[in-house]
Amino acid sequence: MPPSPKTHHADYAVIGCGVAGLRAAIELSETGSVLVLAKSDLSESATAYAQGGIAVSLSDEDEVGLHEQDTILAGDGLCRPEAVRTLVEEGPKYIQQLIEWGTEFDRAGTKLAFTREAAHSRSRILHAQGDSTGREISRALLARAHKLTRLHLRAHAFTTGLIVESGRVTGLRFLDENDGSLHEVRAGAILLATGGLGQIYRETTNPEMATGDGMAIAYEAGATLSDMEFVQFHPTALAVKGAPRFLLSEALRGEGGILRNINLERFMKRYAEAQELAPRDVVARAIVSEMHRTQSDYVYLDMTAKSAEFLKKRFPRIYATCLGHGLDLSTDLAPVCPAAHYMMGGVKTDLWGRTSLPGLYAAGETAATGVHGANRLASNSLLEGLVFGARTGQAMSQDAPPEKRSGIGLPGVPAPKPGEGAAGTKKATAKSAHSAGLTKLRELMWKHVGILRNGPELAAALAQLRKIEIPDGEKLCRAVQEERNLHALAELITRSALARNESRGSHYRSDFAFRDDEDFLKHSATERGKDIRFET
């Protein structure tokens, strides 16, 4: 028999240490003890990979109402208006707070510097160190978290499932990867902030840890998931053979980047009036169409109108990464192709992060707040994590006030330094090889449940997914659990895409090429063991 898990008690537990998880944890620490679990290093999260910036209506030429309009327009009819209003109205307050906490956004003299990205009607994107915005926000939030005595951070702790008692989520189970030990955490409220699920696709800009764990364990526990057919594909990921699909930020096109096919023709005018600055789904489909038309695996992003000096200053990380692959963006065309980037759907929540299960909350990319609708407006994701992370922390404090425990501390859960494990020891983070089943799953999803979809291919993909051998869940190992999570979510995305007989936002069906408001101006929703339904 496996050893009994060690039990910990906290007022609140947060799974994930990106912007949503950390912002909620900071809020929660004001009223009780908080345990934050990260499955990798504390500094490793999707937040840290976010380059482009964070959208907020703070410049003199902007208005909250315009940000609201742009977000709703990009969402293609499925944004929840009250969620968008909350995002844009509360965003400025939380950005100012981030600045007070030491976040250093780029400035033009003493004023904040704003740039523009696709589908924004104003320059409202704040950035840091050019193209390392997420990393800077993560740094500032972690620095603040480390100062709070009631906030405990534990790295390399992989959450394997939720504990549900009498219909309420009362705890979680996790595996300590430092020593293989099993643990249980009992808490008054639990937040899922584990990010996205890009690793479900063969081509993705997401980091390796993006395996949809929060969505999968919520689904397993019986929570409602919503809008899972809406996966956003970033149009421009670096397409160099053997290299990871490094994101080439939309801000490059915002600064004048041009898309050309392999014959060096500028092609976007054939697909959209806004050309390179059209919404992401339009640009991604245009690139795929052009790749098919020219029988190529990529198109080119042309930044050669800009000087090396400008590119090094504005996009230092991107410029250096491309240089490392033998490409000087000031003189060379960069080969790019679309890649899975962001999940608009997730665990369904209200405006305060509450899910359909009492005691369970979700925020950030893990949650389906309705902010993004069918297609996320560029640079709204960091803002959503910040605003709804704070709001969810407030709701958890209100719904589950701390119990009066004496000496509530969490012994054996120190805050490690970056790059260290829970006990302060160096933790190896070697990339694990994908199993044959997972490789097949990712290929299936990319080919048949990707940017261009149709009914017969979706049905065939679902049948093939169900034939893939799933590893035994009894084996408590992170790689096995992640594969099981990805398999459950792959089926759910495919079923949701098959049920939505229309094209809307990021979901494009060639057999139903038009938007159908009469039947599908609704959100998909389901629970484990139930059919997909549509509801307003």
Protein backbone atom coordinates (compact mmCIF):
# COMPACT_ATOMS: atom_id res chain seq x y z
CA MET A 1 0.00 0.00 0.00
CA PRO A 2 1.23 3.53 -0.76
CA PRO A 3 2.13 5.61 2.30
CA SER A 4 -0.58 7.82 3.75
CA PRO A 5 -0.38 11.39 2.46
CA LYS A 6 0.85 14.12 4.76
CA THR A 7 -1.94 16.55 5.62
CA HIS A 8 -1.66 20.34 5.70
CA HIS A 9 -4.27 22.90 6.70
CA ALA A 10 -4.61 26.39 5.27
CA ASP A 11 -7.40 28.91 5.17
CA TYR A 12 -6.98 29.13 1.39
CA ALA A 13 -5.14 27.11 -1.27
CA VAL A 14 -4.12 28.52 -4.65
CA ILE A 15 -2.98 26.24 -7.46
CA GLY A 16 -0.73 28.18 -9.84
CA CYS A 17 1.64 31.12 -9.46
CA GLY A 18 1.02 33.21 -12.57
CA VAL A 19 -0.56 36.65 -12.43
CA ALA A 20 -4.04 35.39 -11.42
CA GLY A 21 -2.83 33.03 -8.70
CA LEU A 22 -0.34 35.44 -7.15
CA ARG A 23 -2.70 38.42 -7.23
CA ALA A 24 -5.42 36.36 -5.54
CA ALA A 25 -2.96 34.98 -2.97
CA ILE A 26 -1.77 38.48 -2.05
CA GLU A 27 -5.41 39.51 -1.54
CA LEU A 28 -6.17 36.40 0.53
CA SER A 29 -3.15 36.85 2.80
CA GLU A 30 -4.85 39.91 4.30
CA THR A 31 -7.42 37.67 6.00
CA GLY A 32 -5.83 34.26 6.49
CA SER A 33 -3.11 31.73 5.69
CA VAL A 34 -2.56 30.94 2.01
CA LEU A 35 -0.71 28.02 0.43
CA VAL A 36 0.32 28.56 -3.22
CA LEU A 37 1.32 25.46 -5.16
CA ALA A 38 3.40 25.69 -8.32
CA LYS A 39 4.18 22.57 -10.34
CA SER A 40 7.46 23.99 -11.65
CA ASP A 41 9.76 26.78 -10.41
CA LEU A 42 7.90 29.71 -8.92
CA SER A 43 9.07 31.94 -11.76
CA GLU A 44 7.83 29.45 -14.41
CA SER A 45 4.32 30.33 -15.54
CA ALA A 46 2.55 31.32 -18.74
CA THR A 47 2.59 34.89 -17.35
CA ALA A 48 6.38 34.98 -17.59
CA TYR A 49 6.16 34.13 -21.31
CA ALA A 50 3.71 36.93 -22.14
CA GLN A 51 5.62 39.36 -24.37
CA GLY A 52 3.28 41.82 -26.00
CA GLY A 53 1.97 43.69 -23.00
CA ILE A 54 -1.08 44.44 -20.91
CA ALA A 55 -4.01 46.43 -22.29
CA VAL A 56 -5.48 49.19 -20.14
CA SER A 57 -7.26 52.47 -20.73
CA LEU A 58 -4.87 54.89 -19.04
CA SER A 59 -3.52 57.13 -21.81
CA ASP A 60 -4.81 60.64 -22.42
CA GLU A 61 -6.21 59.69 -25.84
CA ASP A 62 -8.08 56.60 -24.62
CA GLU A 63 -11.42 55.91 -22.93
CA VAL A 64 -12.67 52.94 -20.92
CA GLY A 65 -15.69 52.77 -23.24
CA LEU A 66 -13.45 52.35 -26.30
CA HIS A 67 -11.54 49.49 -24.66
CA GLU A 68 -14.91 47.91 -23.88
CA GLN A 69 -16.09 48.28 -27.49
CA ASP A 70 -12.88 46.81 -28.93
CA THR A 71 -13.05 43.80 -26.59
CA ILE A 72 -16.69 43.08 -27.44
CA LEU A 73 -16.07 43.45 -31.17
CA ALA A 74 -13.15 40.99 -31.06
CA GLY A 75 -15.27 38.50 -29.07
CA ASP A 76 -17.61 38.04 -32.06
CA GLY A 77 -20.91 38.20 -30.19
CA LEU A 78 -20.05 35.95 -27.23
CA CYS A 79 -18.47 38.31 -24.70
CA ARG A 80 -20.45 38.65 -21.47
CA PRO A 81 -20.96 42.45 -21.39
CA GLU A 82 -20.87 42.66 -17.58
CA ALA A 83 -17.55 40.78 -17.48
CA VAL A 84 -15.99 43.08 -20.09
CA ARG A 85 -17.24 46.15 -18.23
CA THR A 86 -15.70 44.86 -15.01
CA LEU A 87 -12.38 44.22 -16.76
CA VAL A 88 -11.99 47.62 -18.40
CA GLU A 89 -13.39 49.69 -15.51
CA GLU A 90 -11.33 48.04 -12.77
CA GLY A 91 -8.20 47.55 -14.86
CA PRO A 92 -6.67 51.01 -14.35
CA LYS A 93 -6.92 50.73 -10.54
CA TYR A 94 -5.08 47.41 -10.43
CA ILE A 95 -2.42 48.58 -12.92
CA GLN A 96 -1.71 51.63 -10.75
CA GLN A 97 -1.42 49.29 -7.78
CA LEU A 98 1.09 47.12 -9.69
CA ILE A 99 3.17 50.23 -10.36
CA GLU A 100 3.05 51.13 -6.64
CA TRP A 101 4.29 47.59 -5.91
CA GLY A 102 7.36 48.16 -8.06
CA THR A 103 6.37 47.01 -11.56
CA GLU A 104 8.49 48.96 -14.01
CA PHE A 105 6.62 49.53 -17.25
CA ASP A 106 8.44 51.22 -20.13
CA ARG A 107 8.16 54.99 -20.24
CA ALA A 108 8.58 57.82 -22.72
CA GLY A 109 10.31 60.33 -20.47
CA THR A 110 8.24 60.34 -17.26
CA LYS A 111 5.01 59.18 -18.94
CA LEU A 112 3.95 55.58 -19.44
CA ALA A 113 4.64 54.42 -23.00
CA PHE A 114 1.69 52.86 -24.84
CA THR A 115 1.72 50.92 -28.09
CA ARG A 116 -1.05 49.59 -30.33
CA GLU A 117 -1.87 46.03 -31.31
CA ALA A 118 -4.33 44.47 -33.74
CA ALA A 119 -8.04 45.25 -33.26
CA HIS A 120 -7.35 48.01 -30.69
CA SER A 121 -8.68 51.44 -31.72
CA ARG A 122 -6.16 53.25 -29.50
CA SER A 123 -2.58 52.80 -28.28
CA ARG A 124 -3.26 51.24 -24.87
CA ILE A 125 -0.71 48.43 -24.50
CA LEU A 126 1.76 48.86 -21.65
CA HIS A 127 4.98 46.89 -21.95
CA ALA A 128 8.11 46.29 -19.89
CA GLN A 129 11.70 45.89 -21.12
CA GLY A 130 10.21 46.03 -24.61
CA ASP A 131 8.88 42.48 -24.86
CA SER A 132 9.16 41.00 -21.35
CA THR A 133 5.99 42.40 -19.82
CA GLY A 134 4.72 39.19 -18.24
CA ARG A 135 8.11 38.45 -16.73
CA GLU A 136 8.24 41.89 -15.09
CA ILE A 137 4.71 41.60 -13.67
CA SER A 138 5.52 38.12 -12.35
CA ARG A 139 8.73 39.43 -10.74
CA ALA A 140 6.92 42.25 -8.95
CA LEU A 141 4.10 40.00 -7.69
CA LEU A 142 6.53 37.32 -6.47
CA ALA A 143 8.64 39.95 -4.69
CA ARG A 144 5.55 41.15 -2.86
CA ALA A 145 4.39 37.61 -2.08
CA HIS A 146 7.74 36.72 -0.51
CA LYS A 147 7.29 39.56 2.00
CA LEU A 148 3.95 38.30 3.32
CA THR A 149 4.26 36.05 6.36
CA ARG A 150 0.88 34.35 5.90
CA LEU A 151 1.56 33.51 2.26
CA HIS A 152 3.42 30.21 1.73
CA LEU A 153 4.84 29.30 -1.68
CA ARG A 154 5.66 25.72 -2.58
CA ALA A 155 7.43 24.88 -5.84
CA HIS A 156 7.45 21.51 -7.67
CA ALA A 157 4.12 20.53 -6.12
CA PHE A 158 1.91 18.93 -8.77
CA THR A 159 -1.80 18.88 -7.91
CA THR A 160 -3.34 15.54 -8.87
CA GLY A 161 -6.97 16.07 -7.86
CA LEU A 162 -9.59 17.77 -5.73
CA ILE A 163 -11.28 16.43 -2.61
CA VAL A 164 -15.08 16.73 -2.81
CA GLU A 165 -17.24 16.02 0.23
CA SER A 166 -21.05 16.36 0.22
CA GLY A 167 -20.90 18.38 -3.02
CA ARG A 168 -18.30 20.85 -1.71
CA VAL A 169 -14.62 21.07 -2.58
CA THR A 170 -12.77 20.85 0.73
CA GLY A 171 -9.21 20.10 -0.29
CA LEU A 172 -6.71 18.89 -2.84
CA ARG A 173 -4.02 16.26 -3.29
CA PHE A 174 -0.55 16.99 -4.58
CA LEU A 175 2.68 15.20 -5.38
CA ASP A 176 5.98 16.69 -4.18
CA GLU A 177 8.35 16.13 -7.08
CA ASN A 178 11.39 16.72 -4.89
CA ASP A 179 10.96 13.44 -3.04
CA GLY A 180 7.87 11.75 -4.52
CA SER A 181 5.85 12.23 -1.31
CA LEU A 182 2.06 12.58 -1.37
CA HIS A 183 0.21 15.36 0.40
CA GLU A 184 -3.31 16.55 1.15
CA VAL A 185 -4.27 20.15 1.77
CA ARG A 186 -7.51 20.97 3.58
CA ALA A 187 -8.71 24.51 2.98
CA GLY A 188 -11.82 26.65 3.27
CA ALA A 189 -11.59 27.69 -0.40
CA ILE A 190 -9.47 26.57 -3.35
CA LEU A 191 -8.49 28.57 -6.42
CA LEU A 192 -7.53 27.04 -9.77
CA ALA A 193 -5.13 29.35 -11.63
CA THR A 194 -3.09 26.84 -13.61
CA GLY A 195 -3.10 28.62 -16.97
CA GLY A 196 -3.89 27.11 -20.36
CA LEU A 197 -3.63 23.87 -22.32
CA GLY A 198 -1.51 24.67 -25.39
CA GLN A 199 0.42 21.39 -25.07
CA ILE A 200 -2.68 19.64 -26.43
CA TYR A 201 -1.48 20.74 -29.88
CA ARG A 202 1.60 19.76 -31.86
CA GLU A 203 2.37 23.44 -32.54
CA THR A 204 2.06 25.79 -29.59
CA THR A 205 3.62 28.94 -28.18
CA ASN A 206 2.80 27.76 -24.66
CA PRO A 207 5.43 26.59 -22.17
CA GLU A 208 5.73 22.89 -21.41
CA MET A 209 3.71 23.17 -18.21
CA ALA A 210 0.55 24.29 -20.07
CA THR A 211 -1.32 20.99 -19.80
CA GLY A 212 -4.72 22.22 -18.63
CA ASP A 213 -4.41 20.65 -15.17
CA GLY A 214 -6.86 23.01 -13.44
CA MET A 215 -9.56 22.53 -16.09
CA ALA A 216 -9.09 18.75 -16.06
CA ILE A 217 -9.28 18.28 -12.29
CA ALA A 218 -12.29 20.61 -12.11
CA TYR A 219 -14.00 18.56 -14.84
CA GLU A 220 -13.18 15.32 -13.02
CA ALA A 221 -14.66 16.77 -9.80
CA GLY A 222 -17.94 17.66 -11.55
CA ALA A 223 -17.55 21.38 -12.29
CA THR A 224 -19.11 23.01 -15.38
CA LEU A 225 -16.72 23.81 -18.24
CA SER A 226 -17.71 26.29 -20.94
CA ASP A 227 -16.69 27.46 -24.45
CA MET A 228 -13.99 24.80 -24.88
CA GLU A 229 -14.23 24.95 -28.69
CA PHE A 230 -12.66 28.43 -28.67
CA VAL A 231 -8.89 28.01 -28.83
CA GLN A 232 -6.95 30.99 -30.11
CA PHE A 233 -4.08 30.33 -32.49
CA HIS A 234 -1.40 33.00 -32.59
CA PRO A 235 -0.65 33.83 -36.21
CA THR A 236 3.10 34.29 -35.91
CA ALA A 237 5.24 31.71 -34.15
CA LEU A 238 8.84 31.30 -35.28
CA ALA A 239 8.94 28.38 -37.76
CA VAL A 240 12.59 27.33 -37.68
CA LYS A 241 13.16 23.58 -37.99
CA GLY A 242 14.10 22.01 -34.67
CA ALA A 243 13.38 25.19 -32.69
CA PRO A 244 10.47 25.65 -30.24
CA ARG A 245 7.55 27.70 -31.55
CA PHE A 246 8.79 30.94 -30.03
CA LEU A 247 6.11 33.65 -30.12
CA LEU A 248 6.78 36.63 -32.35
CA SER A 249 4.55 39.17 -30.65
CA GLU A 250 1.63 40.84 -32.36
CA ALA A 251 3.33 44.08 -31.38
CA LEU A 252 5.79 43.48 -34.24
CA ARG A 253 2.92 43.93 -36.69
CA GLY A 254 1.73 46.84 -34.58
CA GLU A 255 5.11 48.46 -35.27
CA GLY A 256 4.77 47.98 -39.03
CA GLY A 257 5.66 44.32 -39.64
CA ILE A 258 4.43 42.95 -42.99
CA LEU A 259 3.38 39.38 -43.83
CA ARG A 260 4.65 37.93 -47.12
CA ASN A 261 4.19 34.51 -48.67
CA ILE A 262 7.13 32.41 -49.89
CA ASN A 263 6.94 34.27 -53.22
CA LEU A 264 7.52 37.46 -51.17
CA GLU A 265 4.06 38.83 -52.02
CA ARG A 266 2.24 40.87 -49.37
CA PHE A 267 -1.00 38.89 -49.12
CA MET A 268 -3.14 40.18 -46.22
CA LYS A 269 -4.98 42.73 -48.41
CA ARG A 270 -6.72 39.74 -50.03
CA TYR A 271 -8.18 38.66 -46.68
CA ALA A 272 -8.95 41.76 -44.58
CA GLU A 273 -9.22 45.51 -44.93
CA ALA A 274 -7.10 45.95 -41.79
CA GLN A 275 -4.45 43.71 -43.37
CA GLU A 276 -1.75 42.77 -40.82
CA LEU A 277 -3.72 44.44 -38.02
CA ALA A 278 -6.87 42.33 -38.50
CA PRO A 279 -8.03 40.21 -35.52
CA ARG A 280 -5.90 37.18 -34.72
CA ASP A 281 -8.33 34.57 -36.00
CA VAL A 282 -8.56 36.33 -39.37
CA VAL A 283 -4.77 36.60 -39.69
CA ALA A 284 -4.20 32.98 -38.60
CA ARG A 285 -6.72 31.65 -41.16
CA ALA A 286 -5.24 33.88 -43.86
CA ILE A 287 -1.76 32.51 -43.18
CA VAL A 288 -3.00 28.90 -43.28
CA SER A 289 -4.86 29.59 -46.54
CA GLU A 290 -1.74 31.17 -48.03
CA MET A 291 0.42 28.23 -46.87
CA HIS A 292 -2.01 25.84 -48.58
CA ARG A 293 -2.12 27.99 -51.74
CA THR A 294 1.67 28.16 -52.06
CA GLN A 295 2.27 24.63 -50.69
CA SER A 296 4.55 25.93 -47.96
CA ASP A 297 4.97 25.24 -44.23
CA TYR A 298 5.32 28.92 -43.39
CA VAL A 299 5.02 32.54 -44.50
CA TYR A 300 7.41 35.38 -43.73
CA LEU A 301 7.22 38.23 -41.24
CA ASP A 302 9.10 41.20 -42.69
CA MET A 303 10.52 43.71 -40.18
CA THR A 304 13.34 44.94 -42.44
CA ALA A 305 11.88 48.46 -42.64
CA LYS A 306 13.03 48.90 -39.02
CA SER A 307 16.63 49.44 -37.96
CA ALA A 308 18.57 47.00 -35.82
CA GLU A 309 18.84 49.75 -33.20
CA PHE A 310 15.03 50.14 -33.01
CA LEU A 311 14.39 46.38 -32.90
CA LYS A 312 17.01 45.76 -30.20
CA LYS A 313 15.47 48.45 -28.01
CA ARG A 314 11.77 47.69 -28.64
CA PHE A 315 11.99 43.88 -28.85
CA PRO A 316 15.23 42.87 -27.12
CA ARG A 317 14.17 39.33 -26.24
CA ILE A 318 12.64 38.58 -29.66
CA TYR A 319 15.58 40.13 -31.52
CA ALA A 320 18.12 38.13 -29.50
CA THR A 321 16.16 34.87 -29.84
CA CYS A 322 15.89 35.23 -33.61
CA LEU A 323 19.60 36.10 -33.78
CA GLY A 324 20.29 32.86 -31.90
CA HIS A 325 18.59 31.03 -34.77
CA GLY A 326 20.63 32.88 -37.39
CA LEU A 327 18.02 35.54 -38.20
CA ASP A 328 18.69 39.27 -37.97
CA LEU A 329 15.19 40.80 -38.04
CA SER A 330 16.56 44.07 -39.42
CA THR A 331 17.84 42.33 -42.58
CA ASP A 332 16.22 38.86 -42.72
CA LEU A 333 12.65 37.69 -43.21
CA ALA A 334 11.47 35.51 -40.32
CA PRO A 335 9.60 32.29 -41.24
CA VAL A 336 6.39 32.07 -39.19
CA CYS A 337 3.34 29.83 -38.87
CA PRO A 338 0.32 29.83 -36.54
CA ALA A 339 0.43 27.92 -33.24
CA ALA A 340 -2.01 27.22 -30.41
CA HIS A 341 -1.80 30.12 -28.01
CA TYR A 342 -4.75 30.76 -25.68
CA MET A 343 -7.92 29.06 -24.41
CA MET A 344 -10.92 31.40 -24.30
CA GLY A 345 -13.05 28.77 -22.52
CA GLY A 346 -12.39 26.91 -19.31
CA VAL A 347 -14.02 26.40 -15.91
CA LYS A 348 -17.20 28.46 -15.93
CA THR A 349 -17.24 31.21 -13.29
CA ASP A 350 -19.29 34.19 -12.25
CA LEU A 351 -17.78 37.69 -11.99
CA TRP A 352 -16.14 36.73 -8.69
CA GLY A 353 -14.42 33.52 -9.75
CA ARG A 354 -17.04 31.21 -8.25
CA THR A 355 -17.48 27.92 -10.13
CA SER A 356 -20.48 25.58 -10.10
CA LEU A 357 -18.92 23.69 -7.15
CA PRO A 358 -19.04 25.36 -3.70
CA GLY A 359 -15.56 25.94 -2.32
CA LEU A 360 -13.94 25.95 -5.80
CA TYR A 361 -12.87 29.09 -7.68
CA ALA A 362 -11.03 29.72 -10.95
CA ALA A 363 -9.22 32.72 -12.44
CA GLY A 364 -6.99 33.61 -15.37
CA GLU A 365 -6.79 31.40 -18.44
CA THR A 366 -8.19 28.44 -16.48
CA ALA A 367 -11.50 30.27 -16.08
CA ALA A 368 -14.27 31.07 -18.55
CA THR A 369 -15.41 34.47 -17.30
CA GLY A 370 -16.93 35.46 -20.65
CA VAL A 371 -14.47 38.35 -21.04
CA HIS A 372 -12.95 37.00 -24.26
CA GLY A 373 -16.03 35.61 -25.98
CA ALA A 374 -15.12 33.65 -29.11
CA ASN A 375 -11.82 35.46 -29.69
CA ARG A 376 -9.55 37.24 -27.20
CA LEU A 377 -8.52 40.81 -27.89
CA ALA A 378 -4.72 41.05 -27.83
CA SER A 379 -3.14 41.81 -24.43
CA ASN A 380 -6.37 41.45 -22.45
CA SER A 381 -5.25 38.19 -20.83
CA LEU A 382 -2.76 39.63 -18.33
CA LEU A 383 -5.34 42.26 -17.37
CA GLU A 384 -7.99 39.57 -16.88
CA GLY A 385 -5.64 37.59 -14.61
CA LEU A 386 -4.88 40.70 -12.58
CA VAL A 387 -8.44 42.02 -12.20
CA PHE A 388 -10.24 38.72 -11.72
CA GLY A 389 -7.43 37.33 -9.57
CA ALA A 390 -7.97 40.20 -7.13
CA ARG A 391 -11.77 39.86 -7.29
CA THR A 392 -11.63 36.11 -6.74
CA GLY A 393 -9.41 36.62 -3.70
CA GLN A 394 -12.00 39.04 -2.30
CA ALA A 395 -14.85 36.56 -2.92
CA MET A 396 -12.96 33.66 -1.33
CA SER A 397 -12.31 35.76 1.78
CA GLN A 398 -15.97 36.70 1.97
CA ASP A 399 -17.37 33.22 1.27
CA ALA A 400 -14.95 31.22 3.44
CA PRO A 401 -13.75 33.39 6.32
CA PRO A 402 -10.68 31.97 8.09
CA GLU A 403 -11.26 29.48 10.85
CA LYS A 404 -9.91 30.47 14.24
CA ARG A 405 -7.03 28.04 14.37
CA SER A 406 -4.15 28.66 16.72
CA GLY A 407 -0.71 28.53 15.10
CA ILE A 408 -2.14 28.08 11.62
CA GLY A 409 1.34 28.10 10.02
CA LEU A 410 2.30 25.54 7.41
CA PRO A 411 5.44 23.83 8.69
CA GLY A 412 7.77 22.47 6.07
CA VAL A 413 6.48 24.79 3.38
CA PRO A 414 9.15 27.50 3.08
CA ALA A 415 9.25 29.99 0.25
CA PRO A 416 12.09 28.73 -1.96
CA LYS A 417 14.38 30.94 -3.98
CA PRO A 418 13.85 30.96 -7.76
CA GLY A 419 15.17 27.73 -9.27
CA GLU A 420 14.90 25.83 -6.00
CA GLY A 421 12.49 23.18 -4.77
CA ALA A 422 10.26 23.24 -1.71
CA ALA A 423 13.03 22.30 0.67
CA GLY A 424 15.49 24.78 -0.82
CA THR A 425 17.26 22.16 -2.94
CA LYS A 426 18.03 22.64 -6.60
CA LYS A 427 15.35 21.02 -8.71
CA ALA A 428 16.06 19.63 -12.17
CA THR A 429 13.49 20.59 -14.79
CA ALA A 430 14.52 18.34 -17.65
CA LYS A 431 12.07 18.20 -20.55
CA SER A 432 10.23 14.89 -20.57
CA ALA A 433 9.72 13.00 -23.83
CA HIS A 434 6.15 12.67 -25.04
CA SER A 435 4.69 9.15 -25.03
CA ALA A 436 3.53 7.63 -28.34
CA GLY A 437 -0.09 8.17 -27.28
CA LEU A 438 0.44 11.83 -26.45
CA THR A 439 2.36 12.43 -29.68
CA LYS A 440 -0.56 10.95 -31.63
CA LEU A 441 -3.07 13.04 -29.65
CA ARG A 442 -1.19 16.29 -30.34
CA GLU A 443 -0.92 15.47 -34.05
CA LEU A 444 -4.64 14.64 -34.27
CA MET A 445 -5.64 17.87 -32.54
CA TRP A 446 -3.36 19.97 -34.75
CA LYS A 447 -4.56 18.45 -38.01
CA HIS A 448 -8.29 18.04 -37.36
CA VAL A 449 -9.29 20.24 -34.38
CA GLY A 450 -7.12 23.24 -35.21
CA ILE A 451 -7.54 26.45 -37.18
CA LEU A 452 -9.70 24.99 -39.99
CA ARG A 453 -12.29 22.38 -38.94
CA ASN A 454 -15.14 20.37 -40.46
CA GLY A 455 -17.70 17.87 -39.17
CA PRO A 456 -16.36 14.65 -40.73
CA GLU A 457 -12.79 15.35 -39.58
CA LEU A 458 -13.95 16.29 -36.08
CA ALA A 459 -16.00 13.08 -35.81
CA ALA A 460 -13.06 11.01 -37.05
CA ALA A 461 -10.70 12.76 -34.61
CA LEU A 462 -13.07 12.03 -31.71
CA ALA A 463 -13.22 8.34 -32.66
CA GLN A 464 -9.43 8.16 -32.88
CA LEU A 465 -8.95 10.00 -29.57
CA ARG A 466 -11.14 7.40 -27.88
CA LYS A 467 -8.91 4.62 -29.22
CA ILE A 468 -5.71 6.09 -27.79
CA GLU A 469 -4.51 4.09 -24.81
CA ILE A 470 -4.57 6.27 -21.69
CA PRO A 471 -1.93 5.59 -19.02
CA ASP A 472 -3.09 4.12 -15.72
CA GLY A 473 -4.15 6.89 -13.36
CA GLU A 474 -3.10 4.86 -10.33
CA LYS A 475 0.51 5.65 -11.19
CA LEU A 476 1.14 8.88 -9.29
CA CYS A 477 3.58 10.52 -11.65
CA ARG A 478 3.34 14.03 -13.11
CA ALA A 479 3.88 12.93 -16.75
CA VAL A 480 1.11 10.32 -16.50
CA GLN A 481 -1.33 12.71 -14.84
CA GLU A 482 -0.61 15.44 -17.38
CA GLU A 483 -1.24 13.02 -20.25
CA ARG A 484 -4.55 11.95 -18.70
CA ASN A 485 -5.50 15.63 -18.29
CA LEU A 486 -4.67 16.43 -21.91
CA HIS A 487 -6.63 13.44 -23.17
CA ALA A 488 -9.78 14.39 -21.23
CA LEU A 489 -9.59 17.98 -22.50
CA ALA A 490 -8.82 16.97 -26.10
CA GLU A 491 -12.06 14.97 -26.18
CA LEU A 492 -13.96 17.88 -24.64
CA ILE A 493 -12.60 20.43 -27.15
CA THR A 494 -13.43 18.09 -30.05
CA ARG A 495 -16.95 17.37 -28.78
CA SER A 496 -17.59 21.10 -28.28
CA ALA A 497 -16.28 21.93 -31.78
CA LEU A 498 -18.47 19.20 -33.29
CA ALA A 499 -21.56 20.55 -31.49
CA ARG A 500 -21.12 24.16 -32.68
CA ASN A 501 -22.42 24.06 -36.27
CA GLU A 502 -21.27 27.54 -37.26
CA SER A 503 -18.11 29.62 -37.64
CA ARG A 504 -17.47 32.24 -34.95
CA GLY A 505 -14.26 33.85 -33.69
CA SER A 506 -11.47 31.32 -33.40
CA HIS A 507 -13.83 28.40 -34.23
CA TYR A 508 -14.01 27.99 -38.01
CA ARG A 509 -16.04 25.20 -39.61
CA SER A 510 -15.61 24.96 -43.41
CA ASP A 511 -18.90 23.01 -43.55
CA PHE A 512 -20.70 25.78 -41.62
CA ALA A 513 -18.72 28.79 -42.81
CA PHE A 514 -21.01 31.49 -41.44
CA ARG A 515 -22.01 32.78 -38.03
CA ASP A 516 -25.45 31.56 -36.92
CA ASP A 517 -26.84 33.88 -34.25
CA GLU A 518 -30.26 32.24 -34.31
CA ASP A 519 -29.01 28.93 -32.94
CA PHE A 520 -25.53 29.61 -31.59
CA LEU A 521 -25.42 33.07 -30.00
CA LYS A 522 -24.91 31.02 -26.84
CA HIS A 523 -22.14 29.52 -24.73
CA SER A 524 -21.40 25.80 -24.81
CA ALA A 525 -21.36 24.08 -21.43
CA THR A 526 -20.98 20.59 -20.04
CA GLU A 527 -20.10 18.50 -17.01
CA ARG A 528 -18.36 15.13 -16.88
CA GLY A 529 -20.55 12.40 -18.36
CA LYS A 530 -23.02 14.85 -19.97
CA ASP A 531 -23.65 16.03 -23.54
CA ILE A 532 -22.65 19.48 -24.75
CA ARG A 533 -25.48 22.01 -24.31
CA PHE A 534 -25.80 25.66 -25.31
CA GLU A 535 -27.00 28.35 -22.93
CA THR A 536 -27.13 32.14 -22.82
